[in-house]
Amino acid sequence: MMRTDTPTRSARLEARITPDALDIIKRAAEIQGRSVSDFVVTAVHEAARRTIDDTQLIRLSVEDQRAFVEALLSPPPFTPAMQRAKDAHARLIKDVQ
């Protein structure tokens, strides 16, 4: 039996677009030698992946990177509320173990 790596397409997606947008999509698909459907599915998949990746990646300016590292290397002293939270956490962890 031969195994294929191409997933079976079983879901359907519909969208209404302007005739101008369809013309542009058709032209782009033609340039890439793809069907309109394949072009749209690939483009939407790539855009979705980028959107998801953008929410999972934190980007900092060089100045912010330096401030972050400085805070890690030389953290400010705990405020009373932070100390209470730390102590409460330590008690919870001790009780669980």
PDB file of N, CA and C in Angstrom:
ATOM      1  N   MET A   1       0.848  -1.178   0.000  1.00  0.00           N
ATOM      2  CA  MET A   1       0.000   0.000   0.000  1.00  0.00           C
ATOM      3  C   MET A   1       0.887   1.231   0.000  1.00  0.00           C
ATOM      4  N   MET A   2       0.601   2.190  -0.878  1.00  0.00           N
ATOM      5  CA  MET A   2       1.390   3.406  -0.991  1.00  0.00           C
ATOM      6  C   MET A   2       0.811   4.489  -0.086  1.00  0.00           C
ATOM      7  N   ARG A   3       1.669   5.103   0.701  1.00  0.00           N
ATOM      8  CA  ARG A   3       1.241   6.158   1.619  1.00  0.00           C
ATOM      9  C   ARG A   3       1.458   7.509   0.963  1.00  0.00           C
ATOM     10  N   THR A   4       0.486   8.384   1.088  1.00  0.00           N
ATOM     11  CA  THR A   4       0.651   9.742   0.571  1.00  0.00           C
ATOM     12  C   THR A   4       0.723  10.701   1.738  1.00  0.00           C
ATOM     13  N   ASP A   5       1.483  11.775   1.572  1.00  0.00           N
ATOM     14  CA  ASP A   5       1.609  12.775   2.618  1.00  0.00           C
ATOM     15  C   ASP A   5       0.636  13.921   2.431  1.00  0.00           C
ATOM     16  N   THR A   6      -0.184  13.867   1.395  1.00  0.00           N
ATOM     17  CA  THR A   6      -1.145  14.922   1.134  1.00  0.00           C
ATOM     18  C   THR A   6      -2.398  14.673   1.959  1.00  0.00           C
ATOM     19  N   PRO A   7      -2.757  15.623   2.835  1.00  0.00           N
ATOM     20  CA  PRO A   7      -3.968  15.417   3.637  1.00  0.00           C
ATOM     21  C   PRO A   7      -5.212  15.444   2.770  1.00  0.00           C
ATOM     22  N   THR A   8      -6.212  14.701   3.178  1.00  0.00           N
ATOM     23  CA  THR A   8      -7.482  14.682   2.463  1.00  0.00           C
ATOM     24  C   THR A   8      -8.235  15.968   2.776  1.00  0.00           C
ATOM     25  N   ARG A   9      -8.708  16.600   1.741  1.00  0.00           N
ATOM     26  CA  ARG A   9      -9.489  17.829   1.933  1.00  0.00           C
ATOM     27  C   ARG A   9     -10.936  17.444   2.129  1.00  0.00           C
ATOM     28  N   SER A  10     -11.458  17.813   3.296  1.00  0.00           N
ATOM     29  CA  SER A  10     -12.831  17.437   3.580  1.00  0.00           C
ATOM     30  C   SER A  10     -13.664  18.609   4.082  1.00  0.00           C
ATOM     31  N   ALA A  11     -13.039  19.742   4.327  1.00  0.00           N
ATOM     32  CA  ALA A  11     -13.778  20.905   4.802  1.00  0.00           C
ATOM     33  C   ALA A  11     -13.926  21.902   3.662  1.00  0.00           C
ATOM     34  N   ARG A  12     -14.958  22.671   3.723  1.00  0.00           N
ATOM     35  CA  ARG A  12     -15.230  23.651   2.675  1.00  0.00           C
ATOM     36  C   ARG A  12     -15.258  25.040   3.296  1.00  0.00           C
ATOM     37  N   LEU A  13     -14.704  26.007   2.569  1.00  0.00           N
ATOM     38  CA  LEU A  13     -14.675  27.393   2.999  1.00  0.00           C
ATOM     39  C   LEU A  13     -15.238  28.236   1.864  1.00  0.00           C
ATOM     40  N   GLU A  14     -16.184  29.104   2.201  1.00  0.00           N
ATOM     41  CA  GLU A  14     -16.768  29.977   1.191  1.00  0.00           C
ATOM     42  C   GLU A  14     -16.579  31.419   1.611  1.00  0.00           C
ATOM     43  N   ALA A  15     -16.417  32.285   0.614  1.00  0.00           N
ATOM     44  CA  ALA A  15     -16.268  33.714   0.905  1.00  0.00           C
ATOM     45  C   ALA A  15     -16.805  34.503  -0.282  1.00  0.00           C
ATOM     46  N   ARG A  16     -17.370  35.641   0.003  1.00  0.00           N
ATOM     47  CA  ARG A  16     -17.831  36.546  -1.055  1.00  0.00           C
ATOM     48  C   ARG A  16     -16.818  37.668  -1.161  1.00  0.00           C
ATOM     49  N   ILE A  17     -16.348  37.899  -2.387  1.00  0.00           N
ATOM     50  CA  ILE A  17     -15.374  38.960  -2.623  1.00  0.00           C
ATOM     51  C   ILE A  17     -15.804  39.784  -3.829  1.00  0.00           C
ATOM     52  N   THR A  18     -15.201  40.951  -3.968  1.00  0.00           N
ATOM     53  CA  THR A  18     -15.534  41.811  -5.107  1.00  0.00           C
ATOM     54  C   THR A  18     -14.952  41.219  -6.380  1.00  0.00           C
ATOM     55  N   PRO A  19     -15.539  41.561  -7.510  1.00  0.00           N
ATOM     56  CA  PRO A  19     -14.982  41.091  -8.778  1.00  0.00           C
ATOM     57  C   PRO A  19     -13.533  41.535  -8.979  1.00  0.00           C
ATOM     58  N   ASP A  20     -13.184  42.741  -8.518  1.00  0.00           N
ATOM     59  CA  ASP A  20     -11.801  43.204  -8.648  1.00  0.00           C
ATOM     60  C   ASP A  20     -10.843  42.330  -7.844  1.00  0.00           C
ATOM     61  N   ALA A  21     -11.246  41.975  -6.621  1.00  0.00           N
ATOM     62  CA  ALA A  21     -10.404  41.117  -5.786  1.00  0.00           C
ATOM     63  C   ALA A  21     -10.246  39.748  -6.437  1.00  0.00           C
ATOM     64  N   LEU A  22     -11.311  39.214  -7.005  1.00  0.00           N
ATOM     65  CA  LEU A  22     -11.235  37.919  -7.685  1.00  0.00           C
ATOM     66  C   LEU A  22     -10.299  37.991  -8.876  1.00  0.00           C
ATOM     67  N   ASP A  23     -10.352  39.072  -9.634  1.00  0.00           N
ATOM     68  CA  ASP A  23      -9.442  39.228 -10.780  1.00  0.00           C
ATOM     69  C   ASP A  23      -7.983  39.202 -10.328  1.00  0.00           C
ATOM     70  N   ILE A  24      -7.693  39.885  -9.227  1.00  0.00           N
ATOM     71  CA  ILE A  24      -6.317  39.914  -8.720  1.00  0.00           C
ATOM     72  C   ILE A  24      -5.891  38.526  -8.264  1.00  0.00           C
ATOM     73  N   ILE A  25      -6.779  37.841  -7.554  1.00  0.00           N
ATOM     74  CA  ILE A  25      -6.463  36.490  -7.077  1.00  0.00           C
ATOM     75  C   ILE A  25      -6.251  35.537  -8.252  1.00  0.00           C
ATOM     76  N   LYS A  26      -7.118  35.622  -9.254  1.00  0.00           N
ATOM     77  CA  LYS A  26      -6.965  34.771 -10.440  1.00  0.00           C
ATOM     78  C   LYS A  26      -5.628  35.021 -11.120  1.00  0.00           C
ATOM     79  N   ARG A  27      -5.262  36.290 -11.256  1.00  0.00           N
ATOM     80  CA  ARG A  27      -3.994  36.643 -11.907  1.00  0.00           C
ATOM     81  C   ARG A  27      -2.808  36.111 -11.106  1.00  0.00           C
ATOM     82  N   ALA A  28      -2.832  36.274  -9.791  1.00  0.00           N
ATOM     83  CA  ALA A  28      -1.739  35.782  -8.952  1.00  0.00           C
ATOM     84  C   ALA A  28      -1.643  34.259  -9.028  1.00  0.00           C
ATOM     85  N   ALA A  29      -2.775  33.582  -8.997  1.00  0.00           N
ATOM     86  CA  ALA A  29      -2.785  32.121  -9.102  1.00  0.00           C
ATOM     87  C   ALA A  29      -2.215  31.686 -10.448  1.00  0.00           C
ATOM     88  N   GLU A  30      -2.603  32.390 -11.489  1.00  0.00           N
ATOM     89  CA  GLU A  30      -2.095  32.090 -12.835  1.00  0.00           C
ATOM     90  C   GLU A  30      -0.578  32.266 -12.897  1.00  0.00           C
ATOM     91  N   ILE A  31      -0.073  33.318 -12.312  1.00  0.00           N
ATOM     92  CA  ILE A  31       1.369  33.574 -12.307  1.00  0.00           C
ATOM     93  C   ILE A  31       2.115  32.426 -11.628  1.00  0.00           C
ATOM     94  N   GLN A  32       1.546  31.902 -10.560  1.00  0.00           N
ATOM     95  CA  GLN A  32       2.185  30.802  -9.835  1.00  0.00           C
ATOM     96  C   GLN A  32       1.852  29.423 -10.414  1.00  0.00           C
ATOM     97  N   GLY A  33       1.006  29.400 -11.431  1.00  0.00           N
ATOM     98  CA  GLY A  33       0.654  28.123 -12.041  1.00  0.00           C
ATOM     99  C   GLY A  33      -0.208  27.249 -11.145  1.00  0.00           C
ATOM    100  N   ARG A  34      -1.062  27.878 -10.363  1.00  0.00           N
ATOM    101  CA  ARG A  34      -1.914  27.153  -9.431  1.00  0.00           C
ATOM    102  C   ARG A  34      -3.378  27.428  -9.738  1.00  0.00           C
ATOM    103  N   SER A  35      -4.216  26.581  -9.187  1.00  0.00           N
ATOM    104  CA  SER A  35      -5.645  26.858  -9.276  1.00  0.00           C
ATOM    105  C   SER A  35      -5.960  27.982  -8.293  1.00  0.00           C
ATOM    106  N   VAL A  36      -7.081  28.660  -8.526  1.00  0.00           N
ATOM    107  CA  VAL A  36      -7.503  29.716  -7.608  1.00  0.00           C
ATOM    108  C   VAL A  36      -7.704  29.130  -6.212  1.00  0.00           C
ATOM    109  N   SER A  37      -8.331  27.979  -6.141  1.00  0.00           N
ATOM    110  CA  SER A  37      -8.582  27.343  -4.854  1.00  0.00           C
ATOM    111  C   SER A  37      -7.275  27.053  -4.115  1.00  0.00           C
ATOM    112  N   ASP A  38      -6.317  26.448  -4.793  1.00  0.00           N
ATOM    113  CA  ASP A  38      -5.031  26.132  -4.174  1.00  0.00           C
ATOM    114  C   ASP A  38      -4.307  27.407  -3.749  1.00  0.00           C
ATOM    115  N   PHE A  39      -4.342  28.421  -4.599  1.00  0.00           N
ATOM    116  CA  PHE A  39      -3.691  29.689  -4.267  1.00  0.00           C
ATOM    117  C   PHE A  39      -4.309  30.300  -3.006  1.00  0.00           C
ATOM    118  N   VAL A  40      -5.633  30.343  -2.944  1.00  0.00           N
ATOM    119  CA  VAL A  40      -6.318  30.951  -1.804  1.00  0.00           C
ATOM    120  C   VAL A  40      -6.058  30.158  -0.527  1.00  0.00           C
ATOM    121  N   VAL A  41      -6.155  28.836  -0.598  1.00  0.00           N
ATOM    122  CA  VAL A  41      -5.927  28.017   0.594  1.00  0.00           C
ATOM    123  C   VAL A  41      -4.498  28.220   1.105  1.00  0.00           C
ATOM    124  N   THR A  42      -3.525  28.223   0.216  1.00  0.00           N
ATOM    125  CA  THR A  42      -2.135  28.411   0.621  1.00  0.00           C
ATOM    126  C   THR A  42      -1.919  29.798   1.217  1.00  0.00           C
ATOM    127  N   ALA A  43      -2.449  30.826   0.574  1.00  0.00           N
ATOM    128  CA  ALA A  43      -2.269  32.196   1.059  1.00  0.00           C
ATOM    129  C   ALA A  43      -2.932  32.398   2.420  1.00  0.00           C
ATOM    130  N   VAL A  44      -4.123  31.868   2.587  1.00  0.00           N
ATOM    131  CA  VAL A  44      -4.832  32.008   3.857  1.00  0.00           C
ATOM    132  C   VAL A  44      -4.111  31.228   4.952  1.00  0.00           C
ATOM    133  N   HIS A  45      -3.628  30.049   4.622  1.00  0.00           N
ATOM    134  CA  HIS A  45      -2.899  29.240   5.603  1.00  0.00           C
ATOM    135  C   HIS A  45      -1.637  29.968   6.064  1.00  0.00           C
ATOM    136  N   GLU A  46      -0.887  30.542   5.133  1.00  0.00           N
ATOM    137  CA  GLU A  46       0.327  31.287   5.482  1.00  0.00           C
ATOM    138  C   GLU A  46      -0.005  32.510   6.338  1.00  0.00           C
ATOM    139  N   ALA A  47      -1.062  33.227   5.989  1.00  0.00           N
ATOM    140  CA  ALA A  47      -1.462  34.401   6.769  1.00  0.00           C
ATOM    141  C   ALA A  47      -1.900  33.994   8.181  1.00  0.00           C
ATOM    142  N   ALA A  48      -2.606  32.896   8.293  1.00  0.00           N
ATOM    143  CA  ALA A  48      -3.048  32.413   9.608  1.00  0.00           C
ATOM    144  C   ALA A  48      -1.844  32.011  10.452  1.00  0.00           C
ATOM    145  N   ARG A  49      -0.901  31.316   9.854  1.00  0.00           N
ATOM    146  CA  ARG A  49       0.306  30.895  10.574  1.00  0.00           C
ATOM    147  C   ARG A  49       1.087  32.114  11.069  1.00  0.00           C
ATOM    148  N   ARG A  50       1.235  33.135  10.207  1.00  0.00           N
ATOM    149  CA  ARG A  50       1.945  34.357  10.612  1.00  0.00           C
ATOM    150  C   ARG A  50       1.222  35.051  11.765  1.00  0.00           C
ATOM    151  N   THR A  51      -0.098  35.105  11.695  1.00  0.00           N
ATOM    152  CA  THR A  51      -0.889  35.731  12.755  1.00  0.00           C
ATOM    153  C   THR A  51      -0.678  35.013  14.076  1.00  0.00           C
ATOM    154  N   ILE A  52      -0.721  33.703  14.054  1.00  0.00           N
ATOM    155  CA  ILE A  52      -0.511  32.918  15.270  1.00  0.00           C
ATOM    156  C   ILE A  52       0.912  33.112  15.782  1.00  0.00           C
ATOM    157  N   ASP A  53       1.892  33.039  14.890  1.00  0.00           N
ATOM    158  CA  ASP A  53       3.292  33.219  15.291  1.00  0.00           C
ATOM    159  C   ASP A  53       3.518  34.601  15.895  1.00  0.00           C
ATOM    160  N   ASP A  54       2.888  35.618  15.327  1.00  0.00           N
ATOM    161  CA  ASP A  54       3.063  36.984  15.832  1.00  0.00           C
ATOM    162  C   ASP A  54       2.542  37.149  17.253  1.00  0.00           C
ATOM    163  N   THR A  55       1.559  36.358  17.640  1.00  0.00           N
ATOM    164  CA  THR A  55       1.033  36.470  19.001  1.00  0.00           C
ATOM    165  C   THR A  55       1.866  35.678  19.997  1.00  0.00           C
ATOM    166  N   GLN A  56       2.735  34.807  19.498  1.00  0.00           N
ATOM    167  CA  GLN A  56       3.539  33.976  20.381  1.00  0.00           C
ATOM    168  C   GLN A  56       4.989  34.439  20.462  1.00  0.00           C
ATOM    169  N   LEU A  57       5.325  35.503  19.776  1.00  0.00           N
ATOM    170  CA  LEU A  57       6.685  36.001  19.741  1.00  0.00           C
ATOM    171  C   LEU A  57       6.706  37.423  20.285  1.00  0.00           C
ATOM    172  N   ILE A  58       7.564  37.657  21.254  1.00  0.00           N
ATOM    173  CA  ILE A  58       7.687  38.996  21.830  1.00  0.00           C
ATOM    174  C   ILE A  58       8.876  39.686  21.184  1.00  0.00           C
ATOM    175  N   ARG A  59       8.631  40.856  20.637  1.00  0.00           N
ATOM    176  CA  ARG A  59       9.706  41.622  20.011  1.00  0.00           C
ATOM    177  C   ARG A  59       9.984  42.848  20.864  1.00  0.00           C
ATOM    178  N   LEU A  60      11.262  43.057  21.189  1.00  0.00           N
ATOM    179  CA  LEU A  60      11.665  44.193  21.995  1.00  0.00           C
ATOM    180  C   LEU A  60      12.688  45.024  21.249  1.00  0.00           C
ATOM    181  N   SER A  61      12.626  46.330  21.446  1.00  0.00           N
ATOM    182  CA  SER A  61      13.658  47.201  20.890  1.00  0.00           C
ATOM    183  C   SER A  61      14.960  46.905  21.624  1.00  0.00           C
ATOM    184  N   VAL A  62      16.073  47.379  21.083  1.00  0.00           N
ATOM    185  CA  VAL A  62      17.358  47.169  21.733  1.00  0.00           C
ATOM    186  C   VAL A  62      17.342  47.762  23.136  1.00  0.00           C
ATOM    187  N   GLU A  63      16.753  48.935  23.289  1.00  0.00           N
ATOM    188  CA  GLU A  63      16.661  49.578  24.605  1.00  0.00           C
ATOM    189  C   GLU A  63      15.840  48.726  25.572  1.00  0.00           C
ATOM    190  N   ASP A  64      14.724  48.190  25.097  1.00  0.00           N
ATOM    191  CA  ASP A  64      13.889  47.343  25.944  1.00  0.00           C
ATOM    192  C   ASP A  64      14.589  46.029  26.284  1.00  0.00           C
ATOM    193  N   GLN A  65      15.370  45.485  25.348  1.00  0.00           N
ATOM    194  CA  GLN A  65      16.134  44.264  25.623  1.00  0.00           C
ATOM    195  C   GLN A  65      17.133  44.511  26.749  1.00  0.00           C
ATOM    196  N   ARG A  66      17.806  45.637  26.691  1.00  0.00           N
ATOM    197  CA  ARG A  66      18.782  45.973  27.739  1.00  0.00           C
ATOM    198  C   ARG A  66      18.089  46.125  29.097  1.00  0.00           C
ATOM    199  N   ALA A  67      16.942  46.814  29.105  1.00  0.00           N
ATOM    200  CA  ALA A  67      16.209  47.002  30.348  1.00  0.00           C
ATOM    201  C   ALA A  67      15.744  45.657  30.913  1.00  0.00           C
ATOM    202  N   PHE A  68      15.307  44.759  30.049  1.00  0.00           N
ATOM    203  CA  PHE A  68      14.862  43.442  30.475  1.00  0.00           C
ATOM    204  C   PHE A  68      16.003  42.650  31.103  1.00  0.00           C
ATOM    205  N   VAL A  69      17.149  42.639  30.436  1.00  0.00           N
ATOM    206  CA  VAL A  69      18.311  41.914  30.957  1.00  0.00           C
ATOM    207  C   VAL A  69      18.770  42.528  32.273  1.00  0.00           C
ATOM    208  N   GLU A  70      18.780  43.842  32.351  1.00  0.00           N
ATOM    209  CA  GLU A  70      19.175  44.518  33.590  1.00  0.00           C
ATOM    210  C   GLU A  70      18.244  44.133  34.739  1.00  0.00           C
ATOM    211  N   ALA A  71      16.949  44.061  34.462  1.00  0.00           N
ATOM    212  CA  ALA A  71      15.987  43.670  35.496  1.00  0.00           C
ATOM    213  C   ALA A  71      16.206  42.223  35.944  1.00  0.00           C
ATOM    214  N   LEU A  72      16.614  41.364  35.008  1.00  0.00           N
ATOM    215  CA  LEU A  72      16.902  39.976  35.369  1.00  0.00           C
ATOM    216  C   LEU A  72      18.177  39.871  36.206  1.00  0.00           C
ATOM    217  N   LEU A  73      19.193  40.624  35.807  1.00  0.00           N
ATOM    218  CA  LEU A  73      20.484  40.548  36.488  1.00  0.00           C
ATOM    219  C   LEU A  73      20.491  41.293  37.822  1.00  0.00           C
ATOM    220  N   SER A  74      19.734  42.372  37.901  1.00  0.00           N
ATOM    221  CA  SER A  74      19.677  43.178  39.125  1.00  0.00           C
ATOM    222  C   SER A  74      18.230  43.513  39.449  1.00  0.00           C
ATOM    223  N   PRO A  75      17.490  42.522  39.907  1.00  0.00           N
ATOM    224  CA  PRO A  75      16.061  42.778  40.162  1.00  0.00           C
ATOM    225  C   PRO A  75      15.875  43.765  41.314  1.00  0.00           C
ATOM    226  N   PRO A  76      14.802  44.539  41.259  1.00  0.00           N
ATOM    227  CA  PRO A  76      14.517  45.455  42.365  1.00  0.00           C
ATOM    228  C   PRO A  76      14.114  44.650  43.593  1.00  0.00           C
ATOM    229  N   PRO A  77      14.250  45.240  44.766  1.00  0.00           N
ATOM    230  CA  PRO A  77      13.833  44.512  45.977  1.00  0.00           C
ATOM    231  C   PRO A  77      12.319  44.270  45.972  1.00  0.00           C
ATOM    232  N   PHE A  78      11.918  43.198  46.642  1.00  0.00           N
ATOM    233  CA  PHE A  78      10.495  42.887  46.723  1.00  0.00           C
ATOM    234  C   PHE A  78       9.751  43.972  47.489  1.00  0.00           C
ATOM    235  N   THR A  79       8.582  44.301  47.021  1.00  0.00           N
ATOM    236  CA  THR A  79       7.677  45.160  47.788  1.00  0.00           C
ATOM    237  C   THR A  79       7.036  44.265  48.850  1.00  0.00           C
ATOM    238  N   PRO A  80       6.415  44.856  49.871  1.00  0.00           N
ATOM    239  CA  PRO A  80       5.742  44.013  50.876  1.00  0.00           C
ATOM    240  C   PRO A  80       4.717  43.056  50.260  1.00  0.00           C
ATOM    241  N   ALA A  81       3.976  43.509  49.264  1.00  0.00           N
ATOM    242  CA  ALA A  81       2.974  42.638  48.625  1.00  0.00           C
ATOM    243  C   ALA A  81       3.656  41.491  47.888  1.00  0.00           C
ATOM    244  N   MET A  82       4.761  41.775  47.218  1.00  0.00           N
ATOM    245  CA  MET A  82       5.487  40.713  46.512  1.00  0.00           C
ATOM    246  C   MET A  82       6.041  39.693  47.508  1.00  0.00           C
ATOM    247  N   GLN A  83       6.530  40.153  48.642  1.00  0.00           N
ATOM    248  CA  GLN A  83       7.066  39.241  49.658  1.00  0.00           C
ATOM    249  C   GLN A  83       5.963  38.350  50.212  1.00  0.00           C
ATOM    250  N   ARG A  84       4.775  38.921  50.460  1.00  0.00           N
ATOM    251  CA  ARG A  84       3.640  38.117  50.934  1.00  0.00           C
ATOM    252  C   ARG A  84       3.245  37.066  49.894  1.00  0.00           C
ATOM    253  N   ALA A  85       3.238  37.459  48.624  1.00  0.00           N
ATOM    254  CA  ALA A  85       2.896  36.516  47.554  1.00  0.00           C
ATOM    255  C   ALA A  85       3.937  35.404  47.474  1.00  0.00           C
ATOM    256  N   LYS A  86       5.198  35.756  47.604  1.00  0.00           N
ATOM    257  CA  LYS A  86       6.283  34.760  47.575  1.00  0.00           C
ATOM    258  C   LYS A  86       6.132  33.790  48.743  1.00  0.00           C
ATOM    259  N   ASP A  87       5.868  34.313  49.919  1.00  0.00           N
ATOM    260  CA  ASP A  87       5.700  33.467  51.092  1.00  0.00           C
ATOM    261  C   ASP A  87       4.485  32.548  50.946  1.00  0.00           C
ATOM    262  N   ALA A  88       3.379  33.084  50.416  1.00  0.00           N
ATOM    263  CA  ALA A  88       2.168  32.275  50.216  1.00  0.00           C
ATOM    264  C   ALA A  88       2.445  31.163  49.200  1.00  0.00           C
ATOM    265  N   HIS A  89       3.159  31.487  48.156  1.00  0.00           N
ATOM    266  CA  HIS A  89       3.507  30.483  47.149  1.00  0.00           C
ATOM    267  C   HIS A  89       4.368  29.383  47.768  1.00  0.00           C
ATOM    268  N   ALA A  90       5.356  29.770  48.567  1.00  0.00           N
ATOM    269  CA  ALA A  90       6.228  28.784  49.205  1.00  0.00           C
ATOM    270  C   ALA A  90       5.423  27.858  50.107  1.00  0.00           C
ATOM    271  N   ARG A  91       4.449  28.406  50.842  1.00  0.00           N
ATOM    272  CA  ARG A  91       3.599  27.578  51.705  1.00  0.00           C
ATOM    273  C   ARG A  91       2.768  26.604  50.881  1.00  0.00           C
ATOM    274  N   LEU A  92       2.210  27.072  49.762  1.00  0.00           N
ATOM    275  CA  LEU A  92       1.402  26.206  48.899  1.00  0.00           C
ATOM    276  C   LEU A  92       2.231  25.069  48.330  1.00  0.00           C
ATOM    277  N   ILE A  93       3.414  25.401  47.862  1.00  0.00           N
ATOM    278  CA  ILE A  93       4.279  24.368  47.274  1.00  0.00           C
ATOM    279  C   ILE A  93       4.703  23.365  48.342  1.00  0.00           C
ATOM    280  N   LYS A  94       5.020  23.828  49.543  1.00  0.00           N
ATOM    281  CA  LYS A  94       5.417  22.948  50.630  1.00  0.00           C
ATOM    282  C   LYS A  94       4.278  22.003  50.983  1.00  0.00           C
ATOM    283  N   ASP A  95       3.045  22.518  51.003  1.00  0.00           N
ATOM    284  CA  ASP A  95       1.875  21.698  51.344  1.00  0.00           C
ATOM    285  C   ASP A  95       1.600  20.637  50.283  1.00  0.00           C
ATOM    286  N   VAL A  96       1.932  20.913  49.048  1.00  0.00           N
ATOM    287  CA  VAL A  96       1.660  19.977  47.946  1.00  0.00           C
ATOM    288  C   VAL A  96       2.685  18.850  47.961  1.00  0.00           C
ATOM    289  N   GLN A  97       3.907  19.144  48.308  1.00  0.00           N
ATOM    290  CA  GLN A  97       4.967  18.132  48.262  1.00  0.00           C
ATOM    291  C   GLN A  97       4.956  17.234  49.422  1.00  0.00           C
TER     292      GLN A  97
END
